[in-house]
Amino acid sequence: MARYSDEVHAHANSDAKDRRKLRDQRRMEFRRAIEYYSEQRLLQQELADYPELIAANYLATTQAVTRQSAQPVR
């Protein structure tokens, strides 16, 4: 009878560990998302101080896309 009780207890511990691990993974994903959002907001604030950089970056990106689409097909 003790063996059955030990197996049930071990299974319950395993389930608890799995739930805890899943909860920790979700918490880390949420934390990473918050950090990413915060970094993006900070970057946007810094770029807002230099609107000419935004325009220059837009032009460079547009020119690069145009060049890529103008390359001959191989």
C-alpha atoms as a PDB file:
ATOM      1  CA  MET A   1       0.000   0.000   0.000  1.00  0.00           C
ATOM      2  CA  ALA A   2       2.873   2.369   0.747  1.00  0.00           C
ATOM      3  CA  ARG A   3       4.251   1.918  -2.772  1.00  0.00           C
ATOM      4  CA  TYR A   4       0.972   3.046  -4.342  1.00  0.00           C
ATOM      5  CA  SER A   5       0.878   6.067  -2.047  1.00  0.00           C
ATOM      6  CA  ASP A   6       4.459   6.976  -3.010  1.00  0.00           C
ATOM      7  CA  GLU A   7       3.641   6.738  -6.730  1.00  0.00           C
ATOM      8  CA  VAL A   8       0.590   8.972  -6.346  1.00  0.00           C
ATOM      9  CA  HIS A   9       2.640  11.458  -4.329  1.00  0.00           C
ATOM     10  CA  ALA A  10       5.443  11.428  -6.925  1.00  0.00           C
ATOM     11  CA  HIS A  11       2.913  11.989  -9.712  1.00  0.00           C
ATOM     12  CA  ALA A  12       1.371  14.909  -7.818  1.00  0.00           C
ATOM     13  CA  ASN A  13       4.829  16.445  -7.314  1.00  0.00           C
ATOM     14  CA  SER A  14       5.540  16.028 -11.020  1.00  0.00           C
ATOM     15  CA  ASP A  15       2.280  17.761 -11.941  1.00  0.00           C
ATOM     16  CA  ALA A  16       3.065  20.615  -9.564  1.00  0.00           C
ATOM     17  CA  LYS A  17       6.539  20.991 -11.058  1.00  0.00           C
ATOM     18  CA  ASP A  18       5.093  21.020 -14.574  1.00  0.00           C
ATOM     19  CA  ARG A  19       2.535  23.676 -13.636  1.00  0.00           C
ATOM     20  CA  ARG A  20       5.211  25.770 -11.928  1.00  0.00           C
ATOM     21  CA  LYS A  21       7.517  25.454 -14.940  1.00  0.00           C
ATOM     22  CA  LEU A  22       4.734  26.483 -17.329  1.00  0.00           C
ATOM     23  CA  ARG A  23       3.823  29.431 -15.106  1.00  0.00           C
ATOM     24  CA  ASP A  24       7.472  30.523 -14.979  1.00  0.00           C
ATOM     25  CA  GLN A  25       7.768  30.267 -18.775  1.00  0.00           C
ATOM     26  CA  ARG A  26       4.670  32.416 -19.248  1.00  0.00           C
ATOM     27  CA  ARG A  27       5.968  34.921 -16.713  1.00  0.00           C
ATOM     28  CA  MET A  28       9.307  35.178 -18.560  1.00  0.00           C
ATOM     29  CA  GLU A  29       7.542  35.633 -21.923  1.00  0.00           C
ATOM     30  CA  PHE A  30       5.446  38.397 -20.403  1.00  0.00           C
ATOM     31  CA  ARG A  31       8.523  40.039 -18.871  1.00  0.00           C
ATOM     32  CA  ARG A  32      10.360  39.900 -22.215  1.00  0.00           C
ATOM     33  CA  ALA A  33       7.371  41.444 -23.967  1.00  0.00           C
ATOM     34  CA  ILE A  34       7.267  44.282 -21.445  1.00  0.00           C
ATOM     35  CA  GLU A  35      11.012  44.876 -21.811  1.00  0.00           C
ATOM     36  CA  TYR A  36      10.742  44.862 -25.614  1.00  0.00           C
ATOM     37  CA  TYR A  37       7.844  47.313 -25.504  1.00  0.00           C
ATOM     38  CA  SER A  38       9.759  49.564 -23.110  1.00  0.00           C
ATOM     39  CA  GLU A  39      12.864  49.508 -25.322  1.00  0.00           C
ATOM     40  CA  GLN A  40      10.781  50.332 -28.393  1.00  0.00           C
ATOM     41  CA  ARG A  41       9.112  53.266 -26.641  1.00  0.00           C
ATOM     42  CA  LEU A  42      12.482  54.602 -25.495  1.00  0.00           C
ATOM     43  CA  LEU A  43      13.874  54.278 -29.017  1.00  0.00           C
ATOM     44  CA  GLN A  44      10.855  56.057 -30.471  1.00  0.00           C
ATOM     45  CA  GLN A  45      11.275  58.889 -27.963  1.00  0.00           C
ATOM     46  CA  GLU A  46      14.955  59.220 -28.839  1.00  0.00           C
ATOM     47  CA  LEU A  47      14.216  59.223 -32.565  1.00  0.00           C
ATOM     48  CA  ALA A  48      11.500  61.833 -32.123  1.00  0.00           C
ATOM     49  CA  ASP A  49      14.249  64.245 -31.080  1.00  0.00           C
ATOM     50  CA  TYR A  50      15.864  63.805 -34.521  1.00  0.00           C
ATOM     51  CA  PRO A  51      13.148  63.807 -37.194  1.00  0.00           C
ATOM     52  CA  GLU A  52      15.774  64.176 -39.936  1.00  0.00           C
ATOM     53  CA  LEU A  53      17.115  60.728 -39.008  1.00  0.00           C
ATOM     54  CA  ILE A  54      13.670  59.220 -39.506  1.00  0.00           C
ATOM     55  CA  ALA A  55      13.399  60.837 -42.946  1.00  0.00           C
ATOM     56  CA  ALA A  56      16.922  59.739 -43.919  1.00  0.00           C
ATOM     57  CA  ASN A  57      16.264  56.177 -42.755  1.00  0.00           C
ATOM     58  CA  TYR A  58      13.010  56.103 -44.714  1.00  0.00           C
ATOM     59  CA  LEU A  59      14.760  57.302 -47.879  1.00  0.00           C
ATOM     60  CA  ALA A  60      17.609  54.798 -47.484  1.00  0.00           C
ATOM     61  CA  THR A  61      15.148  51.947 -46.993  1.00  0.00           C
ATOM     62  CA  THR A  62      13.068  53.006 -49.981  1.00  0.00           C
ATOM     63  CA  GLN A  63      16.149  53.216 -52.203  1.00  0.00           C
ATOM     64  CA  ALA A  64      17.371  49.788 -51.061  1.00  0.00           C
ATOM     65  CA  VAL A  65      13.998  48.213 -51.846  1.00  0.00           C
ATOM     66  CA  THR A  66      13.935  49.892 -55.254  1.00  0.00           C
ATOM     67  CA  ARG A  67      17.430  48.599 -56.036  1.00  0.00           C
ATOM     68  CA  GLN A  68      16.497  45.077 -54.994  1.00  0.00           C
ATOM     69  CA  SER A  69      13.412  45.033 -57.171  1.00  0.00           C
ATOM     70  CA  ALA A  70      15.377  46.448 -60.150  1.00  0.00           C
ATOM     71  CA  GLN A  71      17.937  43.615 -60.129  1.00  0.00           C
ATOM     72  CA  PRO A  72      17.625  41.232 -63.078  1.00  0.00           C
ATOM     73  CA  VAL A  73      16.074  37.851 -62.431  1.00  0.00           C
ATOM     74  CA  ARG A  74      18.595  35.020 -62.527  1.00  0.00           C
END
